[in-house]
Amino acid sequence: MRRSNVALRLQTSLLEEAKRVAASEGVALNQLINVAVAEKVSALRTEEYFRERSGRANIGKAKRTLKKAGRGKPPTAGDEI
């Protein structure tokens, strides 16, 4: 794995809170920041994926499929909301 160094400027209050969270989780501050960045990137990519995917959706076909789902089959235990 290739590593890079980056200068990160955080507000003092945010840095202190991040240090407290890292300590309470038993991880290094660097690890906490890596995980936080990975989670954010993942969330943004997921949003982008669903936006792109929805652009290819065929709403009429999806509605027809949902209308047929379960037809002729009574609800089973556990189907309740």
PDB file of N, CA and C in Angstrom:
ATOM      1  N   MET A   1       0.851  -1.181   0.000  1.00  0.00           N
ATOM      2  CA  MET A   1       0.000   0.000   0.000  1.00  0.00           C
ATOM      3  C   MET A   1       0.889   1.234   0.000  1.00  0.00           C
ATOM      4  N   ARG A   2       0.604   2.120  -0.911  1.00  0.00           N
ATOM      5  CA  ARG A   2       1.346   3.370  -0.995  1.00  0.00           C
ATOM      6  C   ARG A   2       0.791   4.350   0.027  1.00  0.00           C
ATOM      7  N   ARG A   3       1.659   5.027   0.707  1.00  0.00           N
ATOM      8  CA  ARG A   3       1.223   6.002   1.712  1.00  0.00           C
ATOM      9  C   ARG A   3       1.620   7.403   1.281  1.00  0.00           C
ATOM     10  N   SER A   4       0.808   8.346   1.656  1.00  0.00           N
ATOM     11  CA  SER A   4       1.094   9.745   1.353  1.00  0.00           C
ATOM     12  C   SER A   4       0.913  10.559   2.618  1.00  0.00           C
ATOM     13  N   ASN A   5       1.686  11.598   2.721  1.00  0.00           N
ATOM     14  CA  ASN A   5       1.541  12.525   3.838  1.00  0.00           C
ATOM     15  C   ASN A   5       0.813  13.767   3.341  1.00  0.00           C
ATOM     16  N   VAL A   6      -0.097  14.248   4.167  1.00  0.00           N
ATOM     17  CA  VAL A   6      -0.867  15.432   3.817  1.00  0.00           C
ATOM     18  C   VAL A   6      -0.925  16.330   5.041  1.00  0.00           C
ATOM     19  N   ALA A   7      -0.804  17.607   4.803  1.00  0.00           N
ATOM     20  CA  ALA A   7      -0.976  18.549   5.906  1.00  0.00           C
ATOM     21  C   ALA A   7      -2.477  18.752   6.093  1.00  0.00           C
ATOM     22  N   LEU A   8      -2.951  18.505   7.292  1.00  0.00           N
ATOM     23  CA  LEU A   8      -4.374  18.638   7.573  1.00  0.00           C
ATOM     24  C   LEU A   8      -4.559  19.718   8.620  1.00  0.00           C
ATOM     25  N   ARG A   9      -5.321  20.717   8.273  1.00  0.00           N
ATOM     26  CA  ARG A   9      -5.576  21.804   9.217  1.00  0.00           C
ATOM     27  C   ARG A   9      -6.996  21.665   9.744  1.00  0.00           C
ATOM     28  N   LEU A  10      -7.110  21.425  11.025  1.00  0.00           N
ATOM     29  CA  LEU A  10      -8.411  21.291  11.673  1.00  0.00           C
ATOM     30  C   LEU A  10      -8.557  22.378  12.721  1.00  0.00           C
ATOM     31  N   GLN A  11      -9.803  22.766  12.962  1.00  0.00           N
ATOM     32  CA  GLN A  11     -10.049  23.674  14.070  1.00  0.00           C
ATOM     33  C   GLN A  11      -9.627  22.951  15.344  1.00  0.00           C
ATOM     34  N   THR A  12      -9.115  23.703  16.297  1.00  0.00           N
ATOM     35  CA  THR A  12      -8.633  23.112  17.539  1.00  0.00           C
ATOM     36  C   THR A  12      -9.697  22.275  18.223  1.00  0.00           C
ATOM     37  N   SER A  13     -10.918  22.768  18.270  1.00  0.00           N
ATOM     38  CA  SER A  13     -11.988  22.025  18.934  1.00  0.00           C
ATOM     39  C   SER A  13     -12.277  20.706  18.221  1.00  0.00           C
ATOM     40  N   LEU A  14     -12.240  20.715  16.894  1.00  0.00           N
ATOM     41  CA  LEU A  14     -12.479  19.500  16.130  1.00  0.00           C
ATOM     42  C   LEU A  14     -11.338  18.506  16.315  1.00  0.00           C
ATOM     43  N   LEU A  15     -10.125  18.993  16.323  1.00  0.00           N
ATOM     44  CA  LEU A  15      -8.969  18.121  16.539  1.00  0.00           C
ATOM     45  C   LEU A  15      -9.030  17.469  17.920  1.00  0.00           C
ATOM     46  N   GLU A  16      -9.357  18.238  18.928  1.00  0.00           N
ATOM     47  CA  GLU A  16      -9.438  17.685  20.285  1.00  0.00           C
ATOM     48  C   GLU A  16     -10.545  16.633  20.387  1.00  0.00           C
ATOM     49  N   GLU A  17     -11.679  16.893  19.747  1.00  0.00           N
ATOM     50  CA  GLU A  17     -12.771  15.925  19.758  1.00  0.00           C
ATOM     51  C   GLU A  17     -12.374  14.658  19.012  1.00  0.00           C
ATOM     52  N   ALA A  18     -11.698  14.819  17.882  1.00  0.00           N
ATOM     53  CA  ALA A  18     -11.235  13.653  17.117  1.00  0.00           C
ATOM     54  C   ALA A  18     -10.249  12.831  17.946  1.00  0.00           C
ATOM     55  N   LYS A  19      -9.385  13.489  18.676  1.00  0.00           N
ATOM     56  CA  LYS A  19      -8.435  12.775  19.548  1.00  0.00           C
ATOM     57  C   LYS A  19      -9.183  12.003  20.636  1.00  0.00           C
ATOM     58  N   ARG A  20     -10.210  12.632  21.218  1.00  0.00           N
ATOM     59  CA  ARG A  20     -10.997  11.947  22.255  1.00  0.00           C
ATOM     60  C   ARG A  20     -11.708  10.715  21.691  1.00  0.00           C
ATOM     61  N   VAL A  21     -12.290  10.873  20.507  1.00  0.00           N
ATOM     62  CA  VAL A  21     -12.996   9.749  19.884  1.00  0.00           C
ATOM     63  C   VAL A  21     -12.012   8.627  19.553  1.00  0.00           C
ATOM     64  N   ALA A  22     -10.875   8.977  19.000  1.00  0.00           N
ATOM     65  CA  ALA A  22      -9.866   7.968  18.670  1.00  0.00           C
ATOM     66  C   ALA A  22      -9.430   7.219  19.924  1.00  0.00           C
ATOM     67  N   ALA A  23      -9.196   7.951  20.992  1.00  0.00           N
ATOM     68  CA  ALA A  23      -8.780   7.319  22.250  1.00  0.00           C
ATOM     69  C   ALA A  23      -9.876   6.402  22.784  1.00  0.00           C
ATOM     70  N   SER A  24     -11.120   6.864  22.724  1.00  0.00           N
ATOM     71  CA  SER A  24     -12.211   6.046  23.251  1.00  0.00           C
ATOM     72  C   SER A  24     -12.435   4.795  22.398  1.00  0.00           C
ATOM     73  N   GLU A  25     -12.095   4.868  21.103  1.00  0.00           N
ATOM     74  CA  GLU A  25     -12.224   3.717  20.206  1.00  0.00           C
ATOM     75  C   GLU A  25     -10.977   2.834  20.248  1.00  0.00           C
ATOM     76  N   GLY A  26      -9.925   3.339  20.874  1.00  0.00           N
ATOM     77  CA  GLY A  26      -8.685   2.566  20.962  1.00  0.00           C
ATOM     78  C   GLY A  26      -7.917   2.496  19.655  1.00  0.00           C
ATOM     79  N   VAL A  27      -8.026   3.547  18.857  1.00  0.00           N
ATOM     80  CA  VAL A  27      -7.293   3.598  17.586  1.00  0.00           C
ATOM     81  C   VAL A  27      -6.476   4.879  17.530  1.00  0.00           C
ATOM     82  N   ALA A  28      -5.514   4.878  16.625  1.00  0.00           N
ATOM     83  CA  ALA A  28      -4.700   6.078  16.421  1.00  0.00           C
ATOM     84  C   ALA A  28      -5.536   7.139  15.708  1.00  0.00           C
ATOM     85  N   LEU A  29      -5.209   8.383  15.929  1.00  0.00           N
ATOM     86  CA  LEU A  29      -5.901   9.491  15.265  1.00  0.00           C
ATOM     87  C   LEU A  29      -5.833   9.319  13.749  1.00  0.00           C
ATOM     88  N   ASN A  30      -4.695   8.906  13.246  1.00  0.00           N
ATOM     89  CA  ASN A  30      -4.530   8.675  11.816  1.00  0.00           C
ATOM     90  C   ASN A  30      -5.550   7.646  11.307  1.00  0.00           C
ATOM     91  N   GLN A  31      -5.721   6.566  12.055  1.00  0.00           N
ATOM     92  CA  GLN A  31      -6.676   5.530  11.656  1.00  0.00           C
ATOM     93  C   GLN A  31      -8.105   6.080  11.665  1.00  0.00           C
ATOM     94  N   LEU A  32      -8.454   6.845  12.687  1.00  0.00           N
ATOM     95  CA  LEU A  32      -9.778   7.443  12.763  1.00  0.00           C
ATOM     96  C   LEU A  32     -10.037   8.332  11.543  1.00  0.00           C
ATOM     97  N   ILE A  33      -9.068   9.135  11.179  1.00  0.00           N
ATOM     98  CA  ILE A  33      -9.220  10.030  10.029  1.00  0.00           C
ATOM     99  C   ILE A  33      -9.341   9.221   8.742  1.00  0.00           C
ATOM    100  N   ASN A  34      -8.545   8.172   8.590  1.00  0.00           N
ATOM    101  CA  ASN A  34      -8.637   7.309   7.406  1.00  0.00           C
ATOM    102  C   ASN A  34     -10.026   6.699   7.270  1.00  0.00           C
ATOM    103  N   VAL A  35     -10.569   6.184   8.366  1.00  0.00           N
ATOM    104  CA  VAL A  35     -11.886   5.563   8.344  1.00  0.00           C
ATOM    105  C   VAL A  35     -12.957   6.612   8.041  1.00  0.00           C
ATOM    106  N   ALA A  36     -12.838   7.777   8.642  1.00  0.00           N
ATOM    107  CA  ALA A  36     -13.824   8.836   8.413  1.00  0.00           C
ATOM    108  C   ALA A  36     -13.835   9.267   6.945  1.00  0.00           C
ATOM    109  N   VAL A  37     -12.676   9.420   6.353  1.00  0.00           N
ATOM    110  CA  VAL A  37     -12.588   9.807   4.944  1.00  0.00           C
ATOM    111  C   VAL A  37     -13.144   8.691   4.058  1.00  0.00           C
ATOM    112  N   ALA A  38     -12.804   7.440   4.387  1.00  0.00           N
ATOM    113  CA  ALA A  38     -13.311   6.302   3.611  1.00  0.00           C
ATOM    114  C   ALA A  38     -14.832   6.233   3.670  1.00  0.00           C
ATOM    115  N   GLU A  39     -15.415   6.459   4.848  1.00  0.00           N
ATOM    116  CA  GLU A  39     -16.874   6.438   4.987  1.00  0.00           C
ATOM    117  C   GLU A  39     -17.516   7.547   4.162  1.00  0.00           C
ATOM    118  N   LYS A  40     -16.948   8.723   4.172  1.00  0.00           N
ATOM    119  CA  LYS A  40     -17.501   9.847   3.421  1.00  0.00           C
ATOM    120  C   LYS A  40     -17.413   9.601   1.921  1.00  0.00           C
ATOM    121  N   VAL A  41     -16.260   9.128   1.457  1.00  0.00           N
ATOM    122  CA  VAL A  41     -16.085   8.837   0.039  1.00  0.00           C
ATOM    123  C   VAL A  41     -17.076   7.760  -0.399  1.00  0.00           C
ATOM    124  N   SER A  42     -17.241   6.739   0.427  1.00  0.00           N
ATOM    125  CA  SER A  42     -18.182   5.663   0.119  1.00  0.00           C
ATOM    126  C   SER A  42     -19.605   6.195   0.012  1.00  0.00           C
ATOM    127  N   ALA A  43     -20.003   7.037   0.945  1.00  0.00           N
ATOM    128  CA  ALA A  43     -21.356   7.615   0.918  1.00  0.00           C
ATOM    129  C   ALA A  43     -21.571   8.448  -0.340  1.00  0.00           C
ATOM    130  N   LEU A  44     -20.595   9.235  -0.724  1.00  0.00           N
ATOM    131  CA  LEU A  44     -20.726  10.071  -1.916  1.00  0.00           C
ATOM    132  C   LEU A  44     -20.771   9.225  -3.187  1.00  0.00           C
ATOM    133  N   ARG A  45     -19.942   8.204  -3.239  1.00  0.00           N
ATOM    134  CA  ARG A  45     -19.948   7.312  -4.410  1.00  0.00           C
ATOM    135  C   ARG A  45     -21.262   6.555  -4.513  1.00  0.00           C
ATOM    136  N   THR A  46     -21.800   6.128  -3.377  1.00  0.00           N
ATOM    137  CA  THR A  46     -23.063   5.397  -3.371  1.00  0.00           C
ATOM    138  C   THR A  46     -24.182   6.294  -3.890  1.00  0.00           C
ATOM    139  N   GLU A  47     -24.205   7.523  -3.426  1.00  0.00           N
ATOM    140  CA  GLU A  47     -25.216   8.477  -3.896  1.00  0.00           C
ATOM    141  C   GLU A  47     -25.089   8.675  -5.402  1.00  0.00           C
ATOM    142  N   GLU A  48     -23.872   8.815  -5.877  1.00  0.00           N
ATOM    143  CA  GLU A  48     -23.605   8.998  -7.303  1.00  0.00           C
ATOM    144  C   GLU A  48     -24.065   7.760  -8.101  1.00  0.00           C
ATOM    145  N   TYR A  49     -23.795   6.580  -7.571  1.00  0.00           N
ATOM    146  CA  TYR A  49     -24.181   5.333  -8.225  1.00  0.00           C
ATOM    147  C   TYR A  49     -25.702   5.252  -8.382  1.00  0.00           C
ATOM    148  N   PHE A  50     -26.431   5.523  -7.297  1.00  0.00           N
ATOM    149  CA  PHE A  50     -27.890   5.432  -7.366  1.00  0.00           C
ATOM    150  C   PHE A  50     -28.480   6.517  -8.258  1.00  0.00           C
ATOM    151  N   ARG A  51     -27.882   7.678  -8.283  1.00  0.00           N
ATOM    152  CA  ARG A  51     -28.368   8.743  -9.166  1.00  0.00           C
ATOM    153  C   ARG A  51     -28.199   8.318 -10.618  1.00  0.00           C
ATOM    154  N   GLU A  52     -27.034   7.765 -10.955  1.00  0.00           N
ATOM    155  CA  GLU A  52     -26.772   7.307 -12.317  1.00  0.00           C
ATOM    156  C   GLU A  52     -27.688   6.140 -12.661  1.00  0.00           C
ATOM    157  N   ARG A  53     -27.845   5.221 -11.721  1.00  0.00           N
ATOM    158  CA  ARG A  53     -28.673   4.034 -11.949  1.00  0.00           C
ATOM    159  C   ARG A  53     -30.144   4.426 -12.147  1.00  0.00           C
ATOM    160  N   SER A  54     -30.625   5.380 -11.371  1.00  0.00           N
ATOM    161  CA  SER A  54     -32.030   5.793 -11.493  1.00  0.00           C
ATOM    162  C   SER A  54     -32.292   6.465 -12.836  1.00  0.00           C
ATOM    163  N   GLY A  55     -31.273   7.045 -13.416  1.00  0.00           N
ATOM    164  CA  GLY A  55     -31.426   7.665 -14.727  1.00  0.00           C
ATOM    165  C   GLY A  55     -31.727   6.653 -15.813  1.00  0.00           C
ATOM    166  N   ARG A  56     -31.347   5.395 -15.591  1.00  0.00           N
ATOM    167  CA  ARG A  56     -31.602   4.334 -16.567  1.00  0.00           C
ATOM    168  C   ARG A  56     -32.869   3.549 -16.243  1.00  0.00           C
ATOM    169  N   ALA A  57     -33.562   3.936 -15.198  1.00  0.00           N
ATOM    170  CA  ALA A  57     -34.726   3.170 -14.741  1.00  0.00           C
ATOM    171  C   ALA A  57     -35.894   3.284 -15.705  1.00  0.00           C
ATOM    172  N   ASN A  58     -36.648   2.210 -15.765  1.00  0.00           N
ATOM    173  CA  ASN A  58     -37.881   2.197 -16.536  1.00  0.00           C
ATOM    174  C   ASN A  58     -39.002   2.120 -15.495  1.00  0.00           C
ATOM    175  N   ILE A  59     -39.564   3.262 -15.144  1.00  0.00           N
ATOM    176  CA  ILE A  59     -40.552   3.345 -14.065  1.00  0.00           C
ATOM    177  C   ILE A  59     -41.782   2.493 -14.372  1.00  0.00           C
ATOM    178  N   GLY A  60     -42.252   2.541 -15.593  1.00  0.00           N
ATOM    179  CA  GLY A  60     -43.434   1.756 -15.971  1.00  0.00           C
ATOM    180  C   GLY A  60     -43.193   0.266 -15.770  1.00  0.00           C
ATOM    181  N   LYS A  61     -42.044  -0.211 -16.208  1.00  0.00           N
ATOM    182  CA  LYS A  61     -41.710  -1.630 -16.057  1.00  0.00           C
ATOM    183  C   LYS A  61     -41.597  -2.005 -14.580  1.00  0.00           C
ATOM    184  N   ALA A  62     -40.991  -1.139 -13.784  1.00  0.00           N
ATOM    185  CA  ALA A  62     -40.849  -1.403 -12.350  1.00  0.00           C
ATOM    186  C   ALA A  62     -42.221  -1.486 -11.680  1.00  0.00           C
ATOM    187  N   LYS A  63     -43.118  -0.581 -12.046  1.00  0.00           N
ATOM    188  CA  LYS A  63     -44.462  -0.588 -11.460  1.00  0.00           C
ATOM    189  C   LYS A  63     -45.226  -1.859 -11.844  1.00  0.00           C
ATOM    190  N   ARG A  64     -45.081  -2.285 -13.107  1.00  0.00           N
ATOM    191  CA  ARG A  64     -45.742  -3.520 -13.535  1.00  0.00           C
ATOM    192  C   ARG A  64     -45.195  -4.725 -12.769  1.00  0.00           C
ATOM    193  N   THR A  65     -43.903  -4.758 -12.557  1.00  0.00           N
ATOM    194  CA  THR A  65     -43.278  -5.859 -11.810  1.00  0.00           C
ATOM    195  C   THR A  65     -43.774  -5.872 -10.375  1.00  0.00           C
ATOM    196  N   LEU A  66     -43.827  -4.706  -9.747  1.00  0.00           N
ATOM    197  CA  LEU A  66     -44.298  -4.626  -8.364  1.00  0.00           C
ATOM    198  C   LEU A  66     -45.770  -5.013  -8.245  1.00  0.00           C
ATOM    199  N   LYS A  67     -46.549  -4.668  -9.262  1.00  0.00           N
ATOM    200  CA  LYS A  67     -47.976  -5.001  -9.235  1.00  0.00           C
ATOM    201  C   LYS A  67     -48.181  -6.511  -9.269  1.00  0.00           C
ATOM    202  N   LYS A  68     -47.313  -7.216  -9.995  1.00  0.00           N
ATOM    203  CA  LYS A  68     -47.418  -8.668 -10.098  1.00  0.00           C
ATOM    204  C   LYS A  68     -46.825  -9.388  -8.882  1.00  0.00           C
ATOM    205  N   ALA A  69     -45.962  -8.729  -8.143  1.00  0.00           N
ATOM    206  CA  ALA A  69     -45.262  -9.381  -7.033  1.00  0.00           C
ATOM    207  C   ALA A  69     -46.246  -9.897  -5.996  1.00  0.00           C
ATOM    208  N   GLY A  70     -46.140 -11.168  -5.688  1.00  0.00           N
ATOM    209  CA  GLY A  70     -46.974 -11.753  -4.654  1.00  0.00           C
ATOM    210  C   GLY A  70     -48.378 -12.100  -5.080  1.00  0.00           C
ATOM    211  N   ARG A  71     -48.722 -11.851  -6.323  1.00  0.00           N
ATOM    212  CA  ARG A  71     -50.077 -12.136  -6.814  1.00  0.00           C
ATOM    213  C   ARG A  71     -50.380 -13.628  -6.647  1.00  0.00           C
ATOM    214  N   GLY A  72     -51.526 -13.912  -6.002  1.00  0.00           N
ATOM    215  CA  GLY A  72     -51.934 -15.284  -5.812  1.00  0.00           C
ATOM    216  C   GLY A  72     -51.272 -15.976  -4.632  1.00  0.00           C
ATOM    217  N   LYS A  73     -50.464 -15.234  -3.907  1.00  0.00           N
ATOM    218  CA  LYS A  73     -49.786 -15.817  -2.747  1.00  0.00           C
ATOM    219  C   LYS A  73     -50.220 -15.039  -1.495  1.00  0.00           C
ATOM    220  N   PRO A  74     -50.860 -15.703  -0.560  1.00  0.00           N
ATOM    221  CA  PRO A  74     -51.270 -14.985   0.641  1.00  0.00           C
ATOM    222  C   PRO A  74     -50.039 -14.610   1.487  1.00  0.00           C
ATOM    223  N   PRO A  75     -50.173 -13.548   2.287  1.00  0.00           N
ATOM    224  CA  PRO A  75     -49.065 -13.167   3.166  1.00  0.00           C
ATOM    225  C   PRO A  75     -48.686 -14.314   4.098  1.00  0.00           C
ATOM    226  N   THR A  76     -47.422 -14.419   4.393  1.00  0.00           N
ATOM    227  CA  THR A  76     -46.960 -15.434   5.343  1.00  0.00           C
ATOM    228  C   THR A  76     -46.549 -14.761   6.634  1.00  0.00           C
ATOM    229  N   ALA A  77     -46.403 -15.557   7.662  1.00  0.00           N
ATOM    230  CA  ALA A  77     -45.985 -15.006   8.960  1.00  0.00           C
ATOM    231  C   ALA A  77     -44.663 -14.251   8.783  1.00  0.00           C
ATOM    232  N   GLY A  78     -44.611 -13.072   9.339  1.00  0.00           N
ATOM    233  CA  GLY A  78     -43.410 -12.247   9.241  1.00  0.00           C
ATOM    234  C   GLY A  78     -43.513 -11.170   8.171  1.00  0.00           C
ATOM    235  N   ASP A  79     -44.578 -11.218   7.361  1.00  0.00           N
ATOM    236  CA  ASP A  79     -44.774 -10.211   6.321  1.00  0.00           C
ATOM    237  C   ASP A  79     -45.347  -8.914   6.877  1.00  0.00           C
ATOM    238  N   GLU A  80     -45.768  -8.925   8.124  1.00  0.00           N
ATOM    239  CA  GLU A  80     -46.402  -7.739   8.700  1.00  0.00           C
ATOM    240  C   GLU A  80     -45.392  -6.599   8.773  1.00  0.00           C
ATOM    241  N   ILE A  81     -45.926  -5.406   8.736  1.00  0.00           N
ATOM    242  CA  ILE A  81     -45.070  -4.214   8.870  1.00  0.00           C
ATOM    243  C   ILE A  81     -44.902  -3.927  10.340  1.00  0.00           C
TER     244      ILE A  81
END
